[in-house]
């Protein structure tokens, strides 16, 4: 029994990893998710779960039509926070990318490789990834806002030409899927390599295409998780508050089992070029267009050797 409760036992190590994952999920949510939107949605979903008839009645009175699905009601409940959501996402967009890269880096290093401390590694990851991660995440936030307005505009014009609206919806959906596949890789790449913004996007795009199956599994899994949450929000209202404490680190951990074998193929020694985005550029541009192993000041050497384990 004493061995079972020893700090080095598998049981205690597993408990520590679970606690670290919960803490990392909380940290990521604090940095990335709009707080007002979170509490509003959770409170509305909880109310919907406890009294769905009242929510349906409110929808009928305001919209003038009967709701046919729970999703219609939930969309109606959160729609009036669109403006607040946009403003807060623009403000938080600066930190979303660095935080996501730091989350993936910390999960791989402290949970899978058992190196370092979760909190210290997470904030270190934000610091070293901020310069490139901030503009990258702002690009994705701006794209998301643009897509939201585009889909709203298409909905408004659907009555005039339903066929054309359907074609536009499909086209935008394809674009969103492609961008999602790039997002799957861009922040893990950022967490691993020292790289410029242009090269980051180019390499993420090329890797997402080359490893399409992995992109599809991870991207599809993320979409499936959020579809499940919103589709069964009424039935799961009592436990929805747990999702922010589980999902971020859980998604990062599961994704790492697909991403890590791919990134290992592009990992070399410090300052060694392993993937060049433009072969004909000059030497200065070439260093910016290449994937190079990021230096970790906490490591024993200039290279994170644990990456290759």
Protein backbone atom coordinates (compact mmCIF):
# COMPACT_ATOMS: atom_id res chain seq x y z
CA UNK A 1 0.00 0.00 0.00
CA UNK A 2 2.89 2.33 0.86
CA UNK A 3 4.43 1.69 -2.56
CA UNK A 4 1.08 2.43 -4.19
CA UNK A 5 0.92 5.88 -2.60
CA UNK A 6 4.57 6.66 -3.26
CA UNK A 7 5.09 9.88 -5.30
CA UNK A 8 6.91 7.82 -7.93
CA UNK A 9 4.25 5.10 -8.23
CA UNK A 10 2.21 4.75 -11.40
CA UNK A 11 -1.00 5.60 -9.54
CA UNK A 12 0.30 8.87 -8.11
CA UNK A 13 2.01 9.75 -11.39
CA UNK A 14 -1.29 9.22 -13.22
CA UNK A 15 -3.19 11.36 -10.70
CA UNK A 16 -0.61 14.14 -11.05
CA UNK A 17 -0.97 14.04 -14.83
CA UNK A 18 -4.76 14.29 -14.61
CA UNK A 19 -4.48 17.26 -12.22
CA UNK A 20 -1.93 18.93 -14.53
CA UNK A 21 -4.22 18.44 -17.54
CA UNK A 22 -7.17 19.97 -15.69
CA UNK A 23 -5.00 22.92 -14.63
CA UNK A 24 -3.66 23.41 -18.16
CA UNK A 25 -7.21 23.38 -19.54
CA UNK A 26 -8.22 26.04 -17.02
CA UNK A 27 -5.20 28.18 -17.93
CA UNK A 28 -5.93 27.88 -21.63
CA UNK A 29 -9.60 28.81 -21.12
CA UNK A 30 -8.68 31.83 -19.01
CA UNK A 31 -6.41 33.12 -21.77
CA UNK A 32 -8.42 32.13 -24.83
CA UNK A 33 -12.18 31.91 -24.31
CA UNK A 34 -14.36 35.03 -23.95
CA UNK A 35 -15.36 34.90 -20.30
CA UNK A 36 -18.65 36.76 -20.76
CA UNK A 37 -19.68 34.42 -23.56
CA UNK A 38 -18.78 31.30 -21.57
CA UNK A 39 -20.85 32.18 -18.52
CA UNK A 40 -23.74 33.47 -20.62
CA UNK A 41 -23.92 30.36 -22.77
CA UNK A 42 -23.56 28.01 -19.82
CA UNK A 43 -26.27 29.82 -17.86
CA UNK A 44 -28.62 29.89 -20.84
CA UNK A 45 -27.95 26.24 -21.62
CA UNK A 46 -28.56 25.33 -17.99
CA UNK A 47 -31.85 27.23 -18.08
CA UNK A 48 -32.72 25.50 -21.33
CA UNK A 49 -32.00 22.12 -19.76
CA UNK A 50 -34.15 22.79 -16.70
CA UNK A 51 -37.03 24.53 -18.49
CA UNK A 52 -36.89 23.87 -22.27
CA UNK A 53 -40.58 24.76 -22.71
CA UNK A 54 -39.91 28.34 -21.58
CA UNK A 55 -37.02 28.63 -24.02
CA UNK A 56 -39.18 27.38 -26.90
CA UNK A 57 -41.95 29.79 -25.92
CA UNK A 58 -39.51 32.73 -25.85
CA UNK A 59 -38.28 31.75 -29.30
CA UNK A 60 -41.86 31.63 -30.65
CA UNK A 61 -42.84 34.98 -29.16
CA UNK A 62 -39.79 36.85 -30.49
CA UNK A 63 -39.30 35.15 -33.86
CA UNK A 64 -42.98 34.54 -34.63
CA UNK A 65 -42.40 30.91 -35.66
CA UNK A 66 -42.20 27.59 -33.88
CA UNK A 67 -38.74 26.11 -33.30
CA UNK A 68 -38.29 22.60 -34.67
CA UNK A 69 -34.93 21.66 -33.10
CA UNK A 70 -32.98 22.37 -29.94
CA UNK A 71 -30.20 23.84 -32.06
CA UNK A 72 -32.51 26.62 -33.31
CA UNK A 73 -33.32 27.62 -29.75
CA UNK A 74 -29.69 27.51 -28.58
CA UNK A 75 -28.56 29.60 -31.55
CA UNK A 76 -31.31 32.09 -30.73
CA UNK A 77 -30.24 32.24 -27.07
CA UNK A 78 -26.63 33.20 -27.80
CA UNK A 79 -27.18 35.37 -30.89
CA UNK A 80 -27.62 38.61 -28.95
CA UNK A 81 -24.04 38.31 -27.68
CA UNK A 82 -22.48 38.36 -31.16
CA UNK A 83 -21.13 41.91 -30.83
CA UNK A 84 -19.64 41.29 -27.39
CA UNK A 85 -18.16 38.03 -28.67
CA UNK A 86 -16.53 39.76 -31.66
CA UNK A 87 -15.01 42.54 -29.54
CA UNK A 88 -13.67 40.16 -26.91
CA UNK A 89 -12.29 37.74 -29.51
CA UNK A 90 -10.42 40.58 -31.19
CA UNK A 91 -8.92 41.57 -27.84
CA UNK A 92 -8.08 38.02 -26.84
CA UNK A 93 -6.97 37.07 -30.33
CA UNK A 94 -3.49 38.36 -29.50
CA UNK A 95 -2.97 35.60 -26.92
CA UNK A 96 -4.98 32.69 -28.40
CA UNK A 97 -2.20 31.50 -30.72
CA UNK A 98 0.65 31.64 -28.20
CA UNK A 99 -1.55 29.98 -25.56
CA UNK A 100 -2.58 27.16 -27.90
CA UNK A 101 1.03 26.55 -28.93
CA UNK A 102 2.04 26.61 -25.26
CA UNK A 103 -0.73 24.16 -24.35
CA UNK A 104 0.39 21.65 -26.98
CA UNK A 105 4.07 22.11 -26.04
CA UNK A 106 3.32 21.59 -22.34
CA UNK A 107 1.12 18.55 -22.91
CA UNK A 108 3.82 16.83 -24.97
CA UNK A 109 6.69 17.81 -22.67
CA UNK A 110 5.19 17.41 -19.18
CA UNK A 111 2.40 14.88 -19.68
CA UNK A 112 3.80 12.58 -22.38
CA UNK A 113 7.57 13.04 -21.82
CA UNK A 114 7.38 13.82 -18.08
CA UNK A 115 9.83 16.71 -18.31
CA UNK A 116 9.54 19.95 -16.36
CA UNK A 117 6.61 21.53 -14.54
CA UNK A 118 3.25 22.25 -16.17
CA UNK A 119 2.71 25.88 -15.10
CA UNK A 120 6.29 27.00 -15.71
CA UNK A 121 6.43 25.27 -19.09
CA UNK A 122 3.07 26.73 -20.17
CA UNK A 123 4.08 30.33 -19.48
CA UNK A 124 7.49 29.72 -21.03
CA UNK A 125 5.68 28.47 -24.15
CA UNK A 126 3.56 31.63 -24.32
CA UNK A 127 6.65 33.81 -24.00
CA UNK A 128 8.71 32.18 -26.76
CA UNK A 129 5.77 31.80 -29.16
CA UNK A 130 4.19 35.22 -28.71
CA UNK A 131 6.01 37.06 -31.50
CA UNK A 132 4.74 34.75 -34.26
CA UNK A 133 1.69 33.29 -32.51
CA UNK A 134 -0.07 36.61 -31.87
CA UNK A 135 -0.37 37.74 -35.51
CA UNK A 136 -1.18 34.17 -36.59
CA UNK A 137 -4.10 33.92 -34.18
CA UNK A 138 -5.37 37.39 -35.13
CA UNK A 139 -5.52 36.22 -38.75
CA UNK A 140 -7.68 33.25 -37.74
CA UNK A 141 -9.93 35.41 -35.55
CA UNK A 142 -10.44 37.88 -38.40
CA UNK A 143 -11.21 34.98 -40.74
CA UNK A 144 -13.76 33.58 -38.30
CA UNK A 145 -15.54 36.93 -37.97
CA UNK A 146 -15.57 37.33 -41.76
CA UNK A 147 -17.05 33.86 -42.21
CA UNK A 148 -19.73 34.59 -39.61
CA UNK A 149 -20.86 37.69 -41.49
CA UNK A 150 -20.71 35.84 -44.82
CA UNK A 151 -22.91 33.01 -43.61
CA UNK A 152 -25.36 35.52 -42.10
CA UNK A 153 -25.50 37.43 -45.40
CA UNK A 154 -26.11 34.21 -47.35
CA UNK A 155 -28.96 33.33 -44.98
CA UNK A 156 -30.56 36.73 -45.63
CA UNK A 157 -30.38 36.32 -49.42
CA UNK A 158 -31.51 32.69 -49.38
CA UNK A 159 -35.09 33.62 -50.18
CA UNK A 160 -34.11 35.42 -53.40
CA UNK A 161 -32.04 32.61 -54.92
CA UNK A 162 -31.94 29.40 -52.83
CA UNK A 163 -29.76 27.51 -55.34
CA UNK A 164 -27.08 30.19 -55.48
CA UNK A 165 -27.15 30.53 -51.69
CA UNK A 166 -26.65 26.78 -51.31
CA UNK A 167 -23.65 26.86 -53.65
CA UNK A 168 -22.12 29.74 -51.68
CA UNK A 169 -22.71 27.92 -48.41
CA UNK A 170 -20.94 24.82 -49.71
CA UNK A 171 -18.04 26.89 -51.06
CA UNK A 172 -17.59 28.71 -47.75
CA UNK A 173 -17.84 25.42 -45.87
CA UNK A 174 -15.02 23.95 -47.97
CA UNK A 175 -12.88 27.02 -47.25
CA UNK A 176 -13.60 26.69 -43.52
CA UNK A 177 -12.63 23.02 -43.55
CA UNK A 178 -9.36 23.82 -45.32
CA UNK A 179 -8.57 26.56 -42.77
CA UNK A 180 -9.44 24.16 -39.93
CA UNK A 181 -6.94 21.63 -41.30
CA UNK A 182 -4.26 24.36 -41.33
CA UNK A 183 -5.13 25.30 -37.73
CA UNK A 184 -4.68 21.66 -36.70
CA UNK A 185 -0.98 21.89 -37.57
CA UNK A 186 -0.02 25.54 -37.27
CA UNK A 187 0.21 25.83 -33.50
CA UNK A 188 1.95 22.48 -32.91
CA UNK A 189 4.47 23.55 -35.58
CA UNK A 190 4.89 26.90 -33.82
CA UNK A 191 5.45 25.13 -30.50
CA UNK A 192 8.20 23.01 -32.00
CA UNK A 193 10.06 25.25 -34.44
CA UNK A 194 11.56 28.71 -34.71
CA UNK A 195 9.87 30.06 -37.83
CA UNK A 196 8.54 33.23 -39.47
CA UNK A 197 4.85 33.98 -39.95
CA UNK A 198 4.82 33.43 -43.72
CA UNK A 199 6.77 30.20 -43.48
CA UNK A 200 4.57 29.05 -40.59
CA UNK A 201 1.41 29.29 -42.69
CA UNK A 202 3.06 27.82 -45.77
CA UNK A 203 4.48 24.81 -43.94
CA UNK A 204 1.21 24.23 -42.05
CA UNK A 205 -0.69 24.28 -45.33
CA UNK A 206 1.73 21.86 -47.02
CA UNK A 207 1.78 19.46 -44.06
CA UNK A 208 -2.02 19.54 -43.73
CA UNK A 209 -2.31 18.49 -47.37
CA UNK A 210 0.50 15.94 -47.31
CA UNK A 211 -0.89 14.35 -44.13
CA UNK A 212 -4.53 14.75 -45.09
CA UNK A 213 -5.77 11.71 -43.15
CA UNK A 214 -4.31 13.03 -39.90
CA UNK A 215 -5.74 16.47 -40.61
CA UNK A 216 -9.16 14.93 -41.29
CA UNK A 217 -9.14 12.81 -38.12
CA UNK A 218 -8.15 15.67 -35.82
CA UNK A 219 -10.26 18.34 -37.52
CA UNK A 220 -13.26 16.03 -37.80
CA UNK A 221 -12.88 15.02 -34.18
CA UNK A 222 -12.90 18.63 -33.01
CA UNK A 223 -15.99 19.40 -35.09
CA UNK A 224 -17.71 16.25 -33.77
CA UNK A 225 -17.02 17.21 -30.17
CA UNK A 226 -18.56 20.67 -30.54
CA UNK A 227 -21.48 19.30 -32.57
CA UNK A 228 -22.15 16.87 -29.73
CA UNK A 229 -22.02 19.66 -27.14
CA UNK A 230 -24.47 21.92 -28.95
CA UNK A 231 -26.75 19.11 -30.13
CA UNK A 232 -27.20 17.67 -26.65
CA UNK A 233 -26.72 20.84 -24.64
CA UNK A 234 -30.17 20.60 -23.10
CA UNK A 235 -29.63 17.05 -21.88
CA UNK A 236 -26.08 17.77 -20.70
CA UNK A 237 -26.78 21.12 -19.05
CA UNK A 238 -25.82 19.90 -15.60
CA UNK A 239 -22.32 18.82 -16.66
CA UNK A 240 -21.52 21.44 -19.33
CA UNK A 241 -19.54 23.40 -16.76
CA UNK A 242 -16.99 20.56 -16.75
CA UNK A 243 -16.09 20.83 -20.43
CA UNK A 244 -13.70 23.82 -20.13
CA UNK A 245 -11.78 21.81 -17.53
CA UNK A 246 -11.41 18.74 -19.74
CA UNK A 247 -11.58 19.48 -23.46
CA UNK A 248 -8.55 21.71 -24.25
CA UNK A 249 -5.87 19.49 -22.72
CA UNK A 250 -7.71 16.33 -23.77
CA UNK A 251 -7.88 17.41 -27.41
CA UNK A 252 -4.20 18.45 -27.34
CA UNK A 253 -3.16 15.12 -25.83
CA UNK A 254 -5.13 12.95 -28.26
CA UNK A 255 -4.02 15.06 -31.22
CA UNK A 256 -0.38 14.70 -30.21
CA UNK A 257 -0.47 10.96 -30.94
CA UNK A 258 -1.10 11.83 -34.60
CA UNK A 259 0.92 15.05 -34.80
CA UNK A 260 4.11 13.97 -33.01
CA UNK A 261 5.15 11.19 -35.44
CA UNK A 262 4.76 13.68 -38.30
CA UNK A 263 6.69 16.50 -36.64
CA UNK A 264 9.54 14.15 -35.73
CA UNK A 265 10.19 13.75 -39.43
CA UNK A 266 10.88 17.48 -39.67
CA UNK A 267 12.92 17.80 -36.47
CA UNK A 268 16.68 18.20 -36.75
CA UNK A 269 19.47 19.79 -34.74
CA UNK A 270 19.39 23.46 -33.74
CA UNK A 271 19.70 25.82 -36.73
CA UNK A 272 19.53 22.89 -39.17
CA UNK A 273 17.17 23.51 -42.07
CA UNK A 274 14.83 20.55 -42.48
CA UNK A 275 12.02 21.95 -44.62
CA UNK A 276 12.48 24.86 -46.98
CA UNK A 277 9.44 26.76 -48.20
CA UNK A 278 11.23 28.60 -51.00
CA UNK A 279 14.36 27.12 -52.50
CA UNK A 280 15.31 30.12 -54.64
CA UNK A 281 15.29 32.81 -51.93
CA UNK A 282 18.50 34.40 -50.64
CA UNK A 283 20.22 33.25 -47.46
CA UNK A 284 18.44 35.72 -45.17
CA UNK A 285 15.03 34.87 -46.54
CA UNK A 286 15.85 31.16 -46.48
CA UNK A 287 16.39 31.17 -42.74
CA UNK A 288 12.92 32.67 -42.30
CA UNK A 289 11.28 30.27 -44.72
CA UNK A 290 12.57 27.13 -43.01
CA UNK A 291 11.49 24.98 -40.11
CA UNK A 292 14.18 24.89 -37.45
CA UNK A 293 14.10 23.33 -34.00
CA UNK A 294 13.22 25.94 -31.40
CA UNK A 295 15.74 26.62 -28.69
CA UNK A 296 14.53 25.79 -25.19
CA UNK A 297 16.44 27.69 -22.47
CA UNK A 298 15.18 25.16 -19.92
CA UNK A 299 16.77 22.23 -21.71
CA UNK A 300 20.22 20.86 -20.93
CA UNK A 301 21.37 21.64 -24.47
CA UNK A 302 20.22 24.09 -27.12
CA UNK A 303 17.91 21.47 -28.61
CA UNK A 304 14.83 19.84 -27.04
CA UNK A 305 16.23 16.33 -27.35
CA UNK A 306 13.16 14.82 -25.75
CA UNK A 307 11.29 15.58 -28.97
CA UNK A 308 13.01 12.62 -30.60
CA UNK A 309 12.22 10.09 -27.87
